[in-house]
N, C-alpha and C. Protein backbone atom coordinates (compact mmCIF):
# COMPACT_ATOMS: atom_id res chain seq x y z
N UNK A 1 0.84 -1.17 0.00
CA UNK A 1 0.00 0.00 0.00
C UNK A 1 0.89 1.24 0.00
N UNK A 2 0.57 2.13 -0.86
CA UNK A 2 1.38 3.34 -1.01
C UNK A 2 0.88 4.39 -0.03
N UNK A 3 1.79 5.01 0.74
CA UNK A 3 1.47 6.09 1.65
C UNK A 3 0.79 5.67 2.94
N UNK A 4 0.76 4.41 3.26
CA UNK A 4 0.12 3.96 4.49
C UNK A 4 1.20 3.58 5.50
N UNK A 5 1.11 4.20 6.67
CA UNK A 5 2.06 3.89 7.75
C UNK A 5 1.37 2.93 8.71
N UNK A 6 1.96 1.80 8.96
CA UNK A 6 1.32 0.79 9.80
C UNK A 6 1.20 1.25 11.26
N UNK A 7 1.97 2.24 11.66
CA UNK A 7 1.87 2.73 13.05
C UNK A 7 0.59 3.53 13.29
N UNK A 8 -0.01 4.05 12.24
CA UNK A 8 -1.22 4.87 12.38
C UNK A 8 -2.51 4.07 12.29
N UNK A 9 -2.39 2.79 12.08
CA UNK A 9 -3.58 1.95 11.94
C UNK A 9 -4.41 1.96 13.22
N UNK A 10 -5.70 2.18 13.11
CA UNK A 10 -6.61 2.16 14.25
C UNK A 10 -6.68 3.47 15.02
N UNK A 11 -5.90 4.48 14.61
CA UNK A 11 -5.93 5.74 15.35
C UNK A 11 -7.27 6.45 15.19
N UNK A 12 -7.89 6.35 14.04
CA UNK A 12 -9.20 6.98 13.83
C UNK A 12 -10.24 6.32 14.72
N UNK A 13 -10.19 5.01 14.84
CA UNK A 13 -11.14 4.31 15.71
C UNK A 13 -10.96 4.70 17.16
N UNK A 14 -9.71 4.86 17.58
CA UNK A 14 -9.44 5.25 18.96
C UNK A 14 -9.91 6.67 19.24
N UNK A 15 -9.68 7.58 18.31
CA UNK A 15 -10.13 8.96 18.47
C UNK A 15 -11.66 9.03 18.50
N UNK A 16 -12.29 8.25 17.66
CA UNK A 16 -13.75 8.20 17.63
C UNK A 16 -14.30 7.65 18.94
N UNK A 17 -13.64 6.64 19.48
CA UNK A 17 -14.08 6.02 20.74
C UNK A 17 -13.96 6.99 21.90
N UNK A 18 -13.04 7.94 21.83
CA UNK A 18 -12.89 8.96 22.88
C UNK A 18 -13.88 10.10 22.66
N UNK A 19 -14.11 10.47 21.41
CA UNK A 19 -14.95 11.62 21.10
C UNK A 19 -16.43 11.37 21.34
N UNK A 20 -16.92 10.18 21.05
CA UNK A 20 -18.35 9.90 21.16
C UNK A 20 -18.87 10.07 22.60
N UNK A 21 -18.21 9.52 23.63
CA UNK A 21 -18.71 9.75 24.99
C UNK A 21 -18.64 11.22 25.40
N UNK A 22 -17.61 11.92 24.95
CA UNK A 22 -17.51 13.35 25.29
C UNK A 22 -18.66 14.14 24.67
N UNK A 23 -19.00 13.84 23.45
CA UNK A 23 -20.12 14.52 22.79
C UNK A 23 -21.43 14.14 23.46
N UNK A 24 -21.59 12.89 23.87
CA UNK A 24 -22.81 12.46 24.54
C UNK A 24 -22.99 13.19 25.87
N UNK A 25 -21.91 13.35 26.63
CA UNK A 25 -21.97 14.08 27.90
C UNK A 25 -22.32 15.54 27.65
N UNK A 26 -21.73 16.14 26.65
CA UNK A 26 -22.01 17.53 26.31
C UNK A 26 -23.48 17.72 25.93
N UNK A 27 -24.02 16.81 25.16
CA UNK A 27 -25.43 16.90 24.77
C UNK A 27 -26.34 16.72 25.98
N UNK A 28 -26.01 15.79 26.87
CA UNK A 28 -26.81 15.57 28.08
C UNK A 28 -26.82 16.82 28.97
N UNK A 29 -25.66 17.47 29.12
CA UNK A 29 -25.59 18.68 29.92
C UNK A 29 -26.36 19.83 29.27
N UNK A 30 -26.31 19.93 27.96
CA UNK A 30 -27.04 20.99 27.26
C UNK A 30 -28.55 20.80 27.40
N UNK A 31 -29.02 19.58 27.26
CA UNK A 31 -30.45 19.30 27.41
C UNK A 31 -30.89 19.58 28.85
N UNK A 32 -30.07 19.20 29.82
CA UNK A 32 -30.38 19.48 31.21
C UNK A 32 -30.43 20.97 31.51
N UNK A 33 -29.51 21.73 30.91
CA UNK A 33 -29.50 23.18 31.11
C UNK A 33 -30.75 23.82 30.52
N UNK A 34 -31.19 23.34 29.37
CA UNK A 34 -32.44 23.85 28.79
C UNK A 34 -33.63 23.53 29.69
N UNK A 35 -33.63 22.34 30.27
CA UNK A 35 -34.70 21.97 31.20
C UNK A 35 -34.71 22.86 32.44
N UNK A 36 -33.52 23.15 32.96
CA UNK A 36 -33.43 24.04 34.13
C UNK A 36 -33.91 25.44 33.79
N UNK A 37 -33.60 25.91 32.60
CA UNK A 37 -34.08 27.21 32.17
C UNK A 37 -35.59 27.25 32.07
N UNK A 38 -36.16 26.17 31.59
CA UNK A 38 -37.62 26.07 31.50
C UNK A 38 -38.27 26.12 32.88
N UNK A 39 -37.67 25.40 33.83
CA UNK A 39 -38.20 25.41 35.20
C UNK A 39 -38.08 26.81 35.80
N UNK A 40 -36.98 27.51 35.51
CA UNK A 40 -36.79 28.86 36.06
C UNK A 40 -37.85 29.81 35.52
N UNK A 41 -38.17 29.70 34.24
CA UNK A 41 -39.21 30.56 33.65
C UNK A 41 -40.56 30.27 34.28
N UNK A 42 -40.89 28.99 34.46
CA UNK A 42 -42.17 28.64 35.11
C UNK A 42 -42.22 29.15 36.55
N UNK A 43 -41.08 29.05 37.26
CA UNK A 43 -41.04 29.56 38.63
C UNK A 43 -41.25 31.07 38.66
N UNK A 44 -40.62 31.78 37.73
CA UNK A 44 -40.76 33.24 37.70
C UNK A 44 -42.21 33.63 37.44
N UNK A 45 -42.85 32.97 36.50
CA UNK A 45 -44.26 33.26 36.22
C UNK A 45 -45.14 32.95 37.43
N UNK A 46 -44.89 31.81 38.07
CA UNK A 46 -45.69 31.43 39.24
C UNK A 46 -45.45 32.40 40.40
N UNK A 47 -44.22 32.84 40.60
CA UNK A 47 -43.93 33.79 41.67
C UNK A 47 -44.63 35.12 41.42
N UNK A 48 -44.66 35.56 40.16
CA UNK A 48 -45.36 36.81 39.83
C UNK A 48 -46.86 36.68 40.09
N UNK A 49 -47.44 35.56 39.68
CA UNK A 49 -48.87 35.34 39.93
C UNK A 49 -49.15 35.27 41.44
N UNK A 50 -48.32 34.56 42.16
CA UNK A 50 -48.51 34.42 43.61
C UNK A 50 -48.35 35.77 44.31
N UNK A 51 -47.41 36.59 43.86
CA UNK A 51 -47.22 37.92 44.47
C UNK A 51 -48.45 38.79 44.26
N UNK A 52 -49.02 38.74 43.07
CA UNK A 52 -50.24 39.53 42.82
C UNK A 52 -51.40 39.04 43.68
N UNK A 53 -51.55 37.71 43.81
CA UNK A 53 -52.61 37.17 44.66
C UNK A 53 -52.40 37.55 46.12
N UNK A 54 -51.17 37.43 46.60
CA UNK A 54 -50.88 37.76 48.00
C UNK A 54 -51.10 39.24 48.26
N UNK A 55 -50.77 40.08 47.28
CA UNK A 55 -50.97 41.53 47.45
C UNK A 55 -52.44 41.88 47.55
N UNK A 56 -53.31 41.06 46.94
CA UNK A 56 -54.76 41.29 47.03
C UNK A 56 -55.35 40.66 48.28
N UNK A 57 -54.52 39.99 49.09
CA UNK A 57 -55.00 39.40 50.33
C UNK A 57 -55.40 37.94 50.20
N UNK A 58 -55.03 37.30 49.11
CA UNK A 58 -55.40 35.90 48.89
C UNK A 58 -54.18 35.00 49.11
N UNK A 59 -53.65 35.03 50.35
CA UNK A 59 -52.44 34.26 50.65
C UNK A 59 -52.63 32.75 50.48
N UNK A 60 -53.82 32.24 50.80
CA UNK A 60 -54.04 30.80 50.68
C UNK A 60 -53.95 30.35 49.22
N UNK A 61 -54.51 31.12 48.31
CA UNK A 61 -54.40 30.78 46.89
C UNK A 61 -52.99 31.00 46.38
N UNK A 62 -52.33 32.03 46.89
CA UNK A 62 -50.97 32.35 46.44
C UNK A 62 -50.00 31.23 46.78
N UNK A 63 -50.18 30.61 47.92
CA UNK A 63 -49.27 29.54 48.33
C UNK A 63 -49.37 28.33 47.41
N UNK A 64 -50.53 28.08 46.86
CA UNK A 64 -50.71 26.92 46.00
C UNK A 64 -50.31 27.12 44.55
N UNK A 65 -50.15 28.37 44.13
CA UNK A 65 -49.84 28.66 42.74
C UNK A 65 -48.47 28.11 42.35
N UNK A 66 -47.48 28.30 43.20
CA UNK A 66 -46.12 27.86 42.88
C UNK A 66 -46.05 26.34 42.80
N UNK A 67 -46.67 25.66 43.77
CA UNK A 67 -46.66 24.20 43.76
C UNK A 67 -47.40 23.61 42.57
N UNK A 68 -48.42 24.32 42.10
CA UNK A 68 -49.16 23.84 40.93
C UNK A 68 -48.37 24.04 39.64
N UNK A 69 -47.56 25.09 39.60
CA UNK A 69 -46.79 25.38 38.39
C UNK A 69 -45.57 24.48 38.24
N UNK A 70 -44.88 24.21 39.36
CA UNK A 70 -43.67 23.38 39.35
C UNK A 70 -43.78 22.37 40.48
N UNK A 71 -43.87 21.12 40.13
CA UNK A 71 -43.99 20.05 41.14
C UNK A 71 -42.78 20.05 42.06
N UNK A 72 -43.03 20.02 43.35
CA UNK A 72 -41.97 19.96 44.34
C UNK A 72 -41.36 21.31 44.70
N UNK A 73 -41.88 22.39 44.13
CA UNK A 73 -41.34 23.72 44.44
C UNK A 73 -41.90 24.22 45.76
N UNK A 74 -41.14 25.07 46.41
CA UNK A 74 -41.57 25.68 47.67
C UNK A 74 -41.60 27.19 47.50
N UNK A 75 -42.37 27.86 48.34
CA UNK A 75 -42.47 29.31 48.22
C UNK A 75 -42.54 29.93 49.61
N UNK A 76 -42.16 31.20 49.66
CA UNK A 76 -42.24 31.98 50.89
C UNK A 76 -42.81 33.36 50.55
N UNK A 77 -43.72 33.82 51.37
CA UNK A 77 -44.34 35.13 51.16
C UNK A 77 -43.85 36.05 52.25
N UNK A 78 -43.39 37.24 51.85
CA UNK A 78 -42.89 38.21 52.83
C UNK A 78 -43.26 39.62 52.41
N UNK A 79 -43.02 40.57 53.31
CA UNK A 79 -43.34 41.96 53.04
C UNK A 79 -42.07 42.80 53.08
N UNK A 80 -42.01 43.78 52.17
CA UNK A 80 -40.94 44.77 52.14
C UNK A 80 -41.58 46.13 51.94
N UNK A 81 -41.83 46.79 53.03
CA UNK A 81 -42.51 48.08 52.94
C UNK A 81 -43.91 47.91 52.40
N UNK A 82 -44.22 48.57 51.28
CA UNK A 82 -45.53 48.47 50.65
C UNK A 82 -45.64 47.30 49.69
N UNK A 83 -44.58 46.52 49.60
CA UNK A 83 -44.57 45.41 48.64
C UNK A 83 -44.79 44.07 49.33
N UNK A 84 -45.47 43.19 48.63
CA UNK A 84 -45.58 41.78 49.05
C UNK A 84 -44.73 40.99 48.07
N UNK A 85 -43.75 40.26 48.60
CA UNK A 85 -42.81 39.53 47.74
C UNK A 85 -42.96 38.03 47.95
N UNK A 86 -42.84 37.30 46.87
CA UNK A 86 -42.90 35.83 46.89
C UNK A 86 -41.58 35.32 46.32
N UNK A 87 -40.95 34.43 47.07
CA UNK A 87 -39.74 33.75 46.61
C UNK A 87 -40.09 32.29 46.41
N UNK A 88 -39.79 31.77 45.24
CA UNK A 88 -40.09 30.38 44.91
C UNK A 88 -38.80 29.68 44.51
N UNK A 89 -38.68 28.42 44.89
CA UNK A 89 -37.47 27.69 44.55
C UNK A 89 -37.67 26.20 44.49
N UNK A 90 -36.76 25.54 43.82
CA UNK A 90 -36.75 24.09 43.71
C UNK A 90 -35.35 23.66 43.31
N UNK A 91 -35.13 22.38 43.20
CA UNK A 91 -33.86 21.86 42.73
C UNK A 91 -34.09 21.08 41.44
N UNK A 92 -33.21 21.30 40.47
CA UNK A 92 -33.31 20.65 39.17
C UNK A 92 -32.10 19.74 38.99
N UNK A 93 -32.36 18.56 38.50
CA UNK A 93 -31.26 17.59 38.29
C UNK A 93 -30.78 17.70 36.84
N UNK A 94 -29.49 17.97 36.68
CA UNK A 94 -28.85 18.02 35.37
C UNK A 94 -27.78 16.94 35.37
N UNK A 95 -28.05 15.86 34.67
CA UNK A 95 -27.16 14.69 34.62
C UNK A 95 -26.91 14.21 36.06
N UNK A 96 -25.72 14.36 36.57
CA UNK A 96 -25.41 13.90 37.93
C UNK A 96 -25.39 15.06 38.92
N UNK A 97 -25.67 16.28 38.45
CA UNK A 97 -25.64 17.46 39.30
C UNK A 97 -27.05 17.87 39.71
N UNK A 98 -27.16 18.45 40.90
CA UNK A 98 -28.41 19.05 41.35
C UNK A 98 -28.19 20.55 41.47
N UNK A 99 -29.01 21.32 40.77
CA UNK A 99 -28.84 22.76 40.71
C UNK A 99 -30.05 23.44 41.35
N UNK A 100 -29.81 24.35 42.32
CA UNK A 100 -30.94 25.10 42.87
C UNK A 100 -31.40 26.17 41.88
N UNK A 101 -32.72 26.28 41.73
CA UNK A 101 -33.31 27.28 40.84
C UNK A 101 -34.32 28.05 41.67
N UNK A 102 -34.27 29.38 41.58
CA UNK A 102 -35.23 30.17 42.35
C UNK A 102 -35.64 31.41 41.56
N UNK A 103 -36.75 32.00 41.99
CA UNK A 103 -37.27 33.21 41.37
C UNK A 103 -37.96 34.03 42.45
N UNK A 104 -37.99 35.32 42.25
CA UNK A 104 -38.63 36.21 43.21
C UNK A 104 -39.42 37.27 42.46
N UNK A 105 -40.57 37.61 43.00
CA UNK A 105 -41.40 38.65 42.40
C UNK A 105 -42.13 39.40 43.50
N UNK A 106 -42.35 40.68 43.27
CA UNK A 106 -43.03 41.54 44.25
C UNK A 106 -44.20 42.27 43.59
N UNK A 107 -45.20 42.59 44.39
CA UNK A 107 -46.36 43.36 43.92
C UNK A 107 -46.75 44.36 45.00
N UNK A 108 -47.29 45.47 44.58
CA UNK A 108 -47.72 46.51 45.51
C UNK A 108 -48.93 46.02 46.31
N UNK A 109 -48.85 46.12 47.61
CA UNK A 109 -49.93 45.63 48.47
C UNK A 109 -51.22 46.39 48.19
N UNK A 110 -52.32 45.64 48.08
CA UNK A 110 -53.60 46.23 47.80
C UNK A 110 -53.80 46.54 46.33
N UNK A 111 -52.84 46.10 45.50
CA UNK A 111 -52.93 46.36 44.07
C UNK A 111 -53.98 45.50 43.41
N UNK A 112 -54.27 45.83 42.17
CA UNK A 112 -55.29 45.09 41.43
C UNK A 112 -54.69 43.97 40.68
């Protein structure tokens, strides 16, 4: 065979065998990060809804909004001056990692 070095035989297979698991891990982490972003957006929306409900005096409904939007999420309602603030959080699993995700929203007390 012309131009073939026997020392290089199988090097492409070895490089491929190393690259495939690395690409698979990268794809798994990317998909997990997208999932965590989705959970964060849902938490932010739920915290905003809960803050508006709590500001109108409907604390019992406000507490259930976050749990209904994101399974396993927890929330806390607090006051800052004229504002009613809701903090919502949960943990998201990305491959072998657990990442805390949280959101906070405030509404003017007595607002519509």
